[in-house]
């Protein structure tokens, strides 16, 4: 249903399928799915980080033979140049911090799989990285609260605006800030999805069977 809702014409459909096939081929060059023990996909985790409500969706969570956890994040874009790797990895520290707060266990690694380029970048969380991430959440949230009171959010358009989920409501692009405020109030009133996180915790605590062999194809 999600694919049909895109309303693609035959040419766009063919391009979509070809791109998906290319990404899958890139993935299979990176790893054999039969060799990993996946215990969750698309995990929505919610936690209070120093008083700030944070929600994240983890692409994949693996368990190593040692029992340690590894977060896997799929990337369909190009891998960043080496000098920009650190900036590109800052966001994945969020996943490690959420796992630590929800499961009580810090993942030993976060792996970014750039399926288009066949590149794997590994981040190993530490006290320093998770501590910095927690402080960053607090600082960002305090800034948001202050600007909300002042009503002085100043948009800074850039090339990244093309991929922004909030562009619809952004004034430089003809958006209505009052409509954004209404949508925000609706989202704030919605439950955070903690039930799914609780179910994930139970799955982690309970003994897990060996993963079933992958089906052919």
C-alpha atoms as a PDB file:
ATOM      1  CA  UNK A   1       0.000   0.000   0.000  1.00  0.00           C
ATOM      2  CA  UNK A   2       2.831   2.452   0.769  1.00  0.00           C
ATOM      3  CA  UNK A   3       4.352   1.858  -2.658  1.00  0.00           C
ATOM      4  CA  UNK A   4       1.026   2.206  -4.448  1.00  0.00           C
ATOM      5  CA  UNK A   5       0.403   5.459  -2.583  1.00  0.00           C
ATOM      6  CA  UNK A   6       3.460   6.966  -4.277  1.00  0.00           C
ATOM      7  CA  UNK A   7       1.464   7.054  -7.507  1.00  0.00           C
ATOM      8  CA  UNK A   8       4.500   6.407  -9.721  1.00  0.00           C
ATOM      9  CA  UNK A   9       4.110   6.093 -13.482  1.00  0.00           C
ATOM     10  CA  UNK A  10       5.620   3.055 -15.267  1.00  0.00           C
ATOM     11  CA  UNK A  11       8.926   4.823 -15.922  1.00  0.00           C
ATOM     12  CA  UNK A  12       9.300   5.994 -12.318  1.00  0.00           C
ATOM     13  CA  UNK A  13       8.294   2.543 -11.063  1.00  0.00           C
ATOM     14  CA  UNK A  14      11.008   0.891 -13.158  1.00  0.00           C
ATOM     15  CA  UNK A  15      13.568   3.382 -11.870  1.00  0.00           C
ATOM     16  CA  UNK A  16      12.448   2.758  -8.283  1.00  0.00           C
ATOM     17  CA  UNK A  17      12.785  -1.017  -8.654  1.00  0.00           C
ATOM     18  CA  UNK A  18      16.175  -0.715 -10.379  1.00  0.00           C
ATOM     19  CA  UNK A  19      17.442   1.522  -7.568  1.00  0.00           C
ATOM     20  CA  UNK A  20      16.159  -0.938  -4.955  1.00  0.00           C
ATOM     21  CA  UNK A  21      17.911  -3.803  -6.737  1.00  0.00           C
ATOM     22  CA  UNK A  22      21.159  -1.818  -6.804  1.00  0.00           C
ATOM     23  CA  UNK A  23      20.899  -1.107  -3.072  1.00  0.00           C
ATOM     24  CA  UNK A  24      20.201  -4.764  -2.275  1.00  0.00           C
ATOM     25  CA  UNK A  25      23.145  -5.881  -4.380  1.00  0.00           C
ATOM     26  CA  UNK A  26      25.302  -3.416  -2.461  1.00  0.00           C
ATOM     27  CA  UNK A  27      24.033  -4.788   0.837  1.00  0.00           C
ATOM     28  CA  UNK A  28      24.873  -8.382  -0.077  1.00  0.00           C
ATOM     29  CA  UNK A  29      28.398  -7.279  -0.946  1.00  0.00           C
ATOM     30  CA  UNK A  30      28.761  -5.984   2.628  1.00  0.00           C
ATOM     31  CA  UNK A  31      27.563  -8.977   4.617  1.00  0.00           C
ATOM     32  CA  UNK A  32      25.900 -12.372   4.554  1.00  0.00           C
ATOM     33  CA  UNK A  33      22.566 -11.982   6.394  1.00  0.00           C
ATOM     34  CA  UNK A  34      22.811 -15.607   7.543  1.00  0.00           C
ATOM     35  CA  UNK A  35      25.917 -14.713   9.527  1.00  0.00           C
ATOM     36  CA  UNK A  36      24.257 -12.100  11.750  1.00  0.00           C
ATOM     37  CA  UNK A  37      21.848 -12.590  14.647  1.00  0.00           C
ATOM     38  CA  UNK A  38      19.165  -9.939  14.209  1.00  0.00           C
ATOM     39  CA  UNK A  39      16.918  -9.454  17.237  1.00  0.00           C
ATOM     40  CA  UNK A  40      14.961  -6.429  16.072  1.00  0.00           C
ATOM     41  CA  UNK A  41      14.306  -4.143  13.118  1.00  0.00           C
ATOM     42  CA  UNK A  42      12.753  -0.670  12.977  1.00  0.00           C
ATOM     43  CA  UNK A  43      12.865  -0.447  16.772  1.00  0.00           C
ATOM     44  CA  UNK A  44      11.221   2.705  18.084  1.00  0.00           C
ATOM     45  CA  UNK A  45      12.852   3.589  21.398  1.00  0.00           C
ATOM     46  CA  UNK A  46      11.797   6.356  23.761  1.00  0.00           C
ATOM     47  CA  UNK A  47      13.684   7.598  26.800  1.00  0.00           C
ATOM     48  CA  UNK A  48      14.090  10.624  29.038  1.00  0.00           C
ATOM     49  CA  UNK A  49      17.611  11.982  28.528  1.00  0.00           C
ATOM     50  CA  UNK A  50      18.388  14.391  31.374  1.00  0.00           C
ATOM     51  CA  UNK A  51      14.747  15.450  31.426  1.00  0.00           C
ATOM     52  CA  UNK A  52      14.442  15.696  27.632  1.00  0.00           C
ATOM     53  CA  UNK A  53      12.067  13.262  25.875  1.00  0.00           C
ATOM     54  CA  UNK A  54      13.961  11.605  23.007  1.00  0.00           C
ATOM     55  CA  UNK A  55      12.596   9.120  20.477  1.00  0.00           C
ATOM     56  CA  UNK A  56      14.593   7.280  17.832  1.00  0.00           C
ATOM     57  CA  UNK A  57      14.035   4.471  15.353  1.00  0.00           C
ATOM     58  CA  UNK A  58      16.883   1.971  15.045  1.00  0.00           C
ATOM     59  CA  UNK A  59      17.129   0.230  11.672  1.00  0.00           C
ATOM     60  CA  UNK A  60      18.479  -3.023  13.069  1.00  0.00           C
ATOM     61  CA  UNK A  61      19.726  -4.414  16.363  1.00  0.00           C
ATOM     62  CA  UNK A  62      22.060  -7.418  16.377  1.00  0.00           C
ATOM     63  CA  UNK A  63      23.303  -9.653  19.161  1.00  0.00           C
ATOM     64  CA  UNK A  64      26.833 -11.009  18.908  1.00  0.00           C
ATOM     65  CA  UNK A  65      27.773 -14.534  20.096  1.00  0.00           C
ATOM     66  CA  UNK A  66      29.258 -12.820  23.163  1.00  0.00           C
ATOM     67  CA  UNK A  67      25.814 -11.416  24.004  1.00  0.00           C
ATOM     68  CA  UNK A  68      26.849  -7.838  23.190  1.00  0.00           C
ATOM     69  CA  UNK A  69      24.553  -5.584  21.167  1.00  0.00           C
ATOM     70  CA  UNK A  70      25.381  -3.887  17.861  1.00  0.00           C
ATOM     71  CA  UNK A  71      23.245  -1.199  16.249  1.00  0.00           C
ATOM     72  CA  UNK A  72      23.137  -1.284  12.441  1.00  0.00           C
ATOM     73  CA  UNK A  73      22.100   1.788  10.473  1.00  0.00           C
ATOM     74  CA  UNK A  74      21.468   1.550   6.733  1.00  0.00           C
ATOM     75  CA  UNK A  75      22.570   4.477   4.563  1.00  0.00           C
ATOM     76  CA  UNK A  76      21.428   4.820   0.954  1.00  0.00           C
ATOM     77  CA  UNK A  77      23.480   7.948   0.247  1.00  0.00           C
ATOM     78  CA  UNK A  78      27.182   8.161  -0.427  1.00  0.00           C
ATOM     79  CA  UNK A  79      29.723   7.606   2.322  1.00  0.00           C
ATOM     80  CA  UNK A  80      31.254  10.869   3.565  1.00  0.00           C
ATOM     81  CA  UNK A  81      34.896  11.721   2.863  1.00  0.00           C
ATOM     82  CA  UNK A  82      37.197  10.655   5.679  1.00  0.00           C
ATOM     83  CA  UNK A  83      37.597  14.213   6.961  1.00  0.00           C
ATOM     84  CA  UNK A  84      33.817  14.464   7.442  1.00  0.00           C
ATOM     85  CA  UNK A  85      33.286  11.031   8.977  1.00  0.00           C
ATOM     86  CA  UNK A  86      33.147  12.333  12.542  1.00  0.00           C
ATOM     87  CA  UNK A  87      30.374  14.826  11.750  1.00  0.00           C
ATOM     88  CA  UNK A  88      28.396  12.099  10.000  1.00  0.00           C
ATOM     89  CA  UNK A  89      28.659   9.809  13.022  1.00  0.00           C
ATOM     90  CA  UNK A  90      27.414  12.255  15.635  1.00  0.00           C
ATOM     91  CA  UNK A  91      23.795  11.282  15.042  1.00  0.00           C
ATOM     92  CA  UNK A  92      24.359   7.565  15.570  1.00  0.00           C
ATOM     93  CA  UNK A  93      25.570   8.215  19.107  1.00  0.00           C
ATOM     94  CA  UNK A  94      21.901   8.875  19.820  1.00  0.00           C
ATOM     95  CA  UNK A  95      21.090   5.232  19.100  1.00  0.00           C
ATOM     96  CA  UNK A  96      23.747   4.009  21.494  1.00  0.00           C
ATOM     97  CA  UNK A  97      22.489   6.352  24.209  1.00  0.00           C
ATOM     98  CA  UNK A  98      18.873   5.262  23.734  1.00  0.00           C
ATOM     99  CA  UNK A  99      19.842   1.581  23.943  1.00  0.00           C
ATOM    100  CA  UNK A 100      21.785   2.291  27.116  1.00  0.00           C
ATOM    101  CA  UNK A 101      18.854   4.084  28.739  1.00  0.00           C
ATOM    102  CA  UNK A 102      16.107   1.676  27.558  1.00  0.00           C
ATOM    103  CA  UNK A 103      17.911  -1.679  27.827  1.00  0.00           C
ATOM    104  CA  UNK A 104      20.464  -0.823  30.482  1.00  0.00           C
ATOM    105  CA  UNK A 105      23.213  -2.003  28.126  1.00  0.00           C
ATOM    106  CA  UNK A 106      25.412   0.100  25.882  1.00  0.00           C
ATOM    107  CA  UNK A 107      25.985  -1.371  22.393  1.00  0.00           C
ATOM    108  CA  UNK A 108      29.603  -2.244  21.734  1.00  0.00           C
ATOM    109  CA  UNK A 109      29.361  -0.749  18.247  1.00  0.00           C
ATOM    110  CA  UNK A 110      27.193   1.151  15.821  1.00  0.00           C
ATOM    111  CA  UNK A 111      27.725   0.097  12.195  1.00  0.00           C
ATOM    112  CA  UNK A 112      26.766   2.342   9.291  1.00  0.00           C
ATOM    113  CA  UNK A 113      26.230   0.336   6.105  1.00  0.00           C
ATOM    114  CA  UNK A 114      26.517   2.558   3.028  1.00  0.00           C
ATOM    115  CA  UNK A 115      24.864   0.113   0.673  1.00  0.00           C
ATOM    116  CA  UNK A 116      25.290   2.313  -2.382  1.00  0.00           C
ATOM    117  CA  UNK A 117      29.081   2.555  -2.052  1.00  0.00           C
ATOM    118  CA  UNK A 118      29.761  -0.762  -0.293  1.00  0.00           C
ATOM    119  CA  UNK A 119      31.358   1.018   2.671  1.00  0.00           C
ATOM    120  CA  UNK A 120      31.057   0.179   6.379  1.00  0.00           C
ATOM    121  CA  UNK A 121      31.887   2.748   9.058  1.00  0.00           C
ATOM    122  CA  UNK A 122      31.974   1.558  12.662  1.00  0.00           C
ATOM    123  CA  UNK A 123      31.503   3.748  15.711  1.00  0.00           C
ATOM    124  CA  UNK A 124      32.356   2.385  19.157  1.00  0.00           C
ATOM    125  CA  UNK A 125      30.364   4.237  21.830  1.00  0.00           C
ATOM    126  CA  UNK A 126      32.115   5.296  25.011  1.00  0.00           C
ATOM    127  CA  UNK A 127      31.399   7.237  28.181  1.00  0.00           C
ATOM    128  CA  UNK A 128      32.697  10.316  26.396  1.00  0.00           C
ATOM    129  CA  UNK A 129      30.491  10.000  23.298  1.00  0.00           C
ATOM    130  CA  UNK A 130      27.278   9.136  25.137  1.00  0.00           C
ATOM    131  CA  UNK A 131      27.950  11.823  27.751  1.00  0.00           C
ATOM    132  CA  UNK A 132      28.485  14.428  25.036  1.00  0.00           C
ATOM    133  CA  UNK A 133      25.270  13.342  23.288  1.00  0.00           C
ATOM    134  CA  UNK A 134      23.241  13.686  26.488  1.00  0.00           C
ATOM    135  CA  UNK A 135      24.632  17.180  27.115  1.00  0.00           C
ATOM    136  CA  UNK A 136      23.906  18.116  23.514  1.00  0.00           C
ATOM    137  CA  UNK A 137      20.243  17.130  23.885  1.00  0.00           C
ATOM    138  CA  UNK A 138      19.905  19.332  26.953  1.00  0.00           C
ATOM    139  CA  UNK A 139      21.593  22.305  25.275  1.00  0.00           C
ATOM    140  CA  UNK A 140      19.507  22.017  22.106  1.00  0.00           C
ATOM    141  CA  UNK A 141      16.269  21.667  24.046  1.00  0.00           C
ATOM    142  CA  UNK A 142      17.053  24.658  26.242  1.00  0.00           C
ATOM    143  CA  UNK A 143      17.705  26.703  23.118  1.00  0.00           C
ATOM    144  CA  UNK A 144      14.407  25.557  21.580  1.00  0.00           C
ATOM    145  CA  UNK A 145      12.503  26.491  24.726  1.00  0.00           C
ATOM    146  CA  UNK A 146      14.127  29.926  24.880  1.00  0.00           C
ATOM    147  CA  UNK A 147      13.424  30.649  21.221  1.00  0.00           C
ATOM    148  CA  UNK A 148       9.843  29.408  21.629  1.00  0.00           C
ATOM    149  CA  UNK A 149       9.280  31.934  24.415  1.00  0.00           C
ATOM    150  CA  UNK A 150      10.903  34.704  22.393  1.00  0.00           C
ATOM    151  CA  UNK A 151       9.182  33.634  19.167  1.00  0.00           C
ATOM    152  CA  UNK A 152      12.420  34.260  17.332  1.00  0.00           C
ATOM    153  CA  UNK A 153      13.055  31.138  15.275  1.00  0.00           C
ATOM    154  CA  UNK A 154      15.082  32.439  12.329  1.00  0.00           C
ATOM    155  CA  UNK A 155      15.209  29.971   9.412  1.00  0.00           C
ATOM    156  CA  UNK A 156      18.572  29.467   7.730  1.00  0.00           C
ATOM    157  CA  UNK A 157      17.851  28.076   4.241  1.00  0.00           C
ATOM    158  CA  UNK A 158      20.540  25.900   2.707  1.00  0.00           C
ATOM    159  CA  UNK A 159      20.938  23.027   0.295  1.00  0.00           C
ATOM    160  CA  UNK A 160      19.810  20.626   3.017  1.00  0.00           C
ATOM    161  CA  UNK A 161      16.325  22.174   2.976  1.00  0.00           C
ATOM    162  CA  UNK A 162      15.482  19.931   0.030  1.00  0.00           C
ATOM    163  CA  UNK A 163      15.367  16.921   2.369  1.00  0.00           C
ATOM    164  CA  UNK A 164      13.792  18.624   5.382  1.00  0.00           C
ATOM    165  CA  UNK A 165      10.577  17.061   6.685  1.00  0.00           C
ATOM    166  CA  UNK A 166       9.411  20.466   7.969  1.00  0.00           C
ATOM    167  CA  UNK A 167       9.842  22.398   4.739  1.00  0.00           C
ATOM    168  CA  UNK A 168       6.069  22.347   4.221  1.00  0.00           C
ATOM    169  CA  UNK A 169       5.618  24.682   7.199  1.00  0.00           C
ATOM    170  CA  UNK A 170       8.747  26.806   6.750  1.00  0.00           C
ATOM    171  CA  UNK A 171       8.040  30.496   5.897  1.00  0.00           C
ATOM    172  CA  UNK A 172      10.883  30.839   3.320  1.00  0.00           C
ATOM    173  CA  UNK A 173       9.121  28.141   1.313  1.00  0.00           C
ATOM    174  CA  UNK A 174       5.623  29.575   1.718  1.00  0.00           C
ATOM    175  CA  UNK A 175       4.792  27.577   4.843  1.00  0.00           C
ATOM    176  CA  UNK A 176       2.395  28.619   7.606  1.00  0.00           C
ATOM    177  CA  UNK A 177       4.004  28.780  11.057  1.00  0.00           C
ATOM    178  CA  UNK A 178       0.589  28.714  12.754  1.00  0.00           C
ATOM    179  CA  UNK A 179      -0.243  25.442  10.999  1.00  0.00           C
ATOM    180  CA  UNK A 180       3.099  24.027  12.173  1.00  0.00           C
ATOM    181  CA  UNK A 181       2.199  25.011  15.723  1.00  0.00           C
ATOM    182  CA  UNK A 182      -1.149  23.195  15.453  1.00  0.00           C
ATOM    183  CA  UNK A 183       0.504  20.030  14.123  1.00  0.00           C
ATOM    184  CA  UNK A 184       3.097  20.245  16.883  1.00  0.00           C
ATOM    185  CA  UNK A 185       0.405  20.379  19.554  1.00  0.00           C
ATOM    186  CA  UNK A 186      -1.222  17.269  18.075  1.00  0.00           C
ATOM    187  CA  UNK A 187       2.098  15.403  18.094  1.00  0.00           C
ATOM    188  CA  UNK A 188       2.802  16.498  21.655  1.00  0.00           C
ATOM    189  CA  UNK A 189      -0.534  15.034  22.765  1.00  0.00           C
ATOM    190  CA  UNK A 190       0.147  11.665  21.071  1.00  0.00           C
ATOM    191  CA  UNK A 191       1.551   8.739  23.135  1.00  0.00           C
ATOM    192  CA  UNK A 192       5.301   8.192  22.597  1.00  0.00           C
ATOM    193  CA  UNK A 193       5.007   4.507  21.692  1.00  0.00           C
ATOM    194  CA  UNK A 194       6.559   3.218  24.893  1.00  0.00           C
ATOM    195  CA  UNK A 195       4.662  -0.088  24.604  1.00  0.00           C
ATOM    196  CA  UNK A 196       6.772  -1.137  21.648  1.00  0.00           C
ATOM    197  CA  UNK A 197       9.951  -0.326  23.542  1.00  0.00           C
ATOM    198  CA  UNK A 198       8.735  -2.387  26.522  1.00  0.00           C
ATOM    199  CA  UNK A 199       8.127  -5.339  24.212  1.00  0.00           C
ATOM    200  CA  UNK A 200      11.648  -4.968  22.868  1.00  0.00           C
ATOM    201  CA  UNK A 201      13.098  -4.994  26.365  1.00  0.00           C
ATOM    202  CA  UNK A 202      11.272  -8.238  27.100  1.00  0.00           C
ATOM    203  CA  UNK A 203      12.664  -9.770  23.922  1.00  0.00           C
ATOM    204  CA  UNK A 204      16.171  -8.825  24.953  1.00  0.00           C
ATOM    205  CA  UNK A 205      15.831 -10.215  28.441  1.00  0.00           C
ATOM    206  CA  UNK A 206      14.287 -13.535  27.398  1.00  0.00           C
ATOM    207  CA  UNK A 207      16.544 -16.231  25.880  1.00  0.00           C
ATOM    208  CA  UNK A 208      16.517 -15.975  22.106  1.00  0.00           C
ATOM    209  CA  UNK A 209      16.507 -18.909  19.696  1.00  0.00           C
ATOM    210  CA  UNK A 210      19.098 -19.168  16.959  1.00  0.00           C
ATOM    211  CA  UNK A 211      18.050 -17.193  13.878  1.00  0.00           C
ATOM    212  CA  UNK A 212      16.269 -19.230  11.214  1.00  0.00           C
ATOM    213  CA  UNK A 213      18.137 -19.787   7.943  1.00  0.00           C
ATOM    214  CA  UNK A 214      17.399 -17.177   5.311  1.00  0.00           C
ATOM    215  CA  UNK A 215      14.953 -18.236   2.626  1.00  0.00           C
ATOM    216  CA  UNK A 216      16.424 -18.638  -0.879  1.00  0.00           C
ATOM    217  CA  UNK A 217      16.300 -15.417  -2.842  1.00  0.00           C
END
